[in-house]
């Protein structure tokens, strides 16, 4: 009877060990899956960050081009105003000169 009891305990112990081993294997698979998921999300996050960085660089480039265009436009306007001032001066001098010519 004592031998039978020991055999039953051993059988039960093996069953528990097998169940625990199965559970460990299952948990390792779950862990591996979660690691894969994490790596995938990290890759996606990095891709999104790269796109975002690229967009930010594009925005900065466009703003710089826009500012350059604005300054260039302002310079053109200044140059034209200066040319108009010179032309007006010439016109005044010419009309002043024509006033002095004897008739």
Protein backbone atom coordinates (compact mmCIF):
# COMPACT_ATOMS: atom_id res chain seq x y z
CA UNK A 1 0.00 0.00 0.00
CA UNK A 2 2.89 2.32 0.82
CA UNK A 3 4.53 1.49 -2.56
CA UNK A 4 1.21 2.20 -4.34
CA UNK A 5 0.97 5.55 -2.55
CA UNK A 6 4.55 6.47 -3.62
CA UNK A 7 3.76 5.46 -7.23
CA UNK A 8 0.59 7.63 -7.22
CA UNK A 9 2.55 10.57 -5.79
CA UNK A 10 5.25 10.15 -8.48
CA UNK A 11 2.60 9.96 -11.23
CA UNK A 12 0.90 13.06 -9.86
CA UNK A 13 4.27 14.84 -9.57
CA UNK A 14 5.05 14.00 -13.24
CA UNK A 15 1.64 15.29 -14.33
CA UNK A 16 2.18 18.56 -12.44
CA UNK A 17 5.69 18.86 -13.90
CA UNK A 18 4.34 18.22 -17.45
CA UNK A 19 1.59 20.82 -16.97
CA UNK A 20 4.12 23.36 -15.65
CA UNK A 21 6.47 22.61 -18.57
CA UNK A 22 3.57 23.12 -21.02
CA UNK A 23 2.69 26.39 -19.30
CA UNK A 24 6.34 27.57 -19.43
CA UNK A 25 6.46 26.73 -23.16
CA UNK A 26 3.16 28.61 -23.73
CA UNK A 27 4.37 31.63 -21.75
CA UNK A 28 7.64 31.68 -23.71
CA UNK A 29 5.63 31.74 -26.95
CA UNK A 30 3.43 34.56 -25.61
CA UNK A 31 6.59 36.44 -24.57
CA UNK A 32 8.18 35.92 -28.00
CA UNK A 33 4.97 37.15 -29.69
CA UNK A 34 4.88 40.23 -27.46
CA UNK A 35 8.55 40.93 -28.26
CA UNK A 36 7.75 40.64 -31.98
CA UNK A 37 4.78 42.99 -31.55
CA UNK A 38 6.93 45.46 -29.65
CA UNK A 39 9.62 45.35 -32.36
CA UNK A 40 6.96 45.86 -35.03
CA UNK A 41 5.46 48.86 -33.21
CA UNK A 42 8.91 50.29 -32.61
CA UNK A 43 9.65 49.99 -36.34
CA UNK A 44 6.31 51.66 -37.17
CA UNK A 45 7.01 54.42 -34.63
CA UNK A 46 10.49 55.02 -36.10
CA UNK A 47 9.02 55.14 -39.62
CA UNK A 48 6.38 57.65 -38.50
CA UNK A 49 9.06 59.72 -36.75
CA UNK A 50 11.19 59.71 -39.91
CA UNK A 51 8.18 60.89 -41.96
CA UNK A 52 7.43 63.55 -39.35
CA UNK A 53 11.05 64.73 -39.34
CA UNK A 54 11.02 64.85 -43.15
CA UNK A 55 7.80 66.92 -43.07
CA UNK A 56 9.31 69.30 -40.51
CA UNK A 57 12.40 69.71 -42.70
CA UNK A 58 10.16 70.38 -45.72
CA UNK A 59 8.22 73.00 -43.75
CA UNK A 60 11.47 74.71 -42.69
CA UNK A 61 12.73 74.60 -46.30
CA UNK A 62 9.45 76.06 -47.62
CA UNK A 63 9.45 78.78 -44.93
CA UNK A 64 13.05 79.66 -45.82
CA UNK A 65 12.19 79.79 -49.54
CA UNK A 66 9.13 81.90 -48.76
CA UNK A 67 11.18 84.31 -46.63
CA UNK A 68 13.83 84.49 -49.35
CA UNK A 69 11.09 85.24 -51.90
CA UNK A 70 9.60 87.89 -49.62
CA UNK A 71 12.99 89.55 -49.14
CA UNK A 72 13.70 89.32 -52.84
CA UNK A 73 10.31 90.92 -53.57
CA UNK A 74 11.02 93.66 -51.01
CA UNK A 75 14.40 94.31 -52.66
CA UNK A 76 12.82 94.50 -56.11
CA UNK A 77 10.25 96.97 -54.77
CA UNK A 78 13.05 99.08 -53.16
CA UNK A 79 15.05 99.07 -56.41
CA UNK A 80 11.98 100.11 -58.42
CA UNK A 81 11.17 102.88 -55.93
CA UNK A 82 14.77 104.11 -56.20
CA UNK A 83 14.58 104.05 -60.03
CA UNK A 84 11.26 105.95 -59.92
CA UNK A 85 12.81 108.51 -57.54
CA UNK A 86 15.76 108.99 -59.93
CA UNK A 87 13.42 109.29 -62.93
CA UNK A 88 11.26 111.82 -61.08
CA UNK A 89 14.41 113.76 -60.21
CA UNK A 90 15.48 113.73 -63.87
CA UNK A 91 12.02 114.88 -64.95
CA UNK A 92 12.12 117.74 -62.41
CA UNK A 93 15.58 118.77 -63.57
CA UNK A 94 14.52 118.63 -67.22
CA UNK A 95 11.36 120.65 -66.60
CA UNK A 96 13.33 123.13 -64.46
CA UNK A 97 15.84 123.40 -67.29
CA UNK A 98 13.12 123.98 -69.87
CA UNK A 99 11.70 126.77 -67.71
CA UNK A 100 15.06 128.55 -67.86
CA UNK A 101 15.50 128.32 -71.58
CA UNK A 102 14.71 131.65 -73.20
CA UNK A 103 11.60 131.67 -75.32
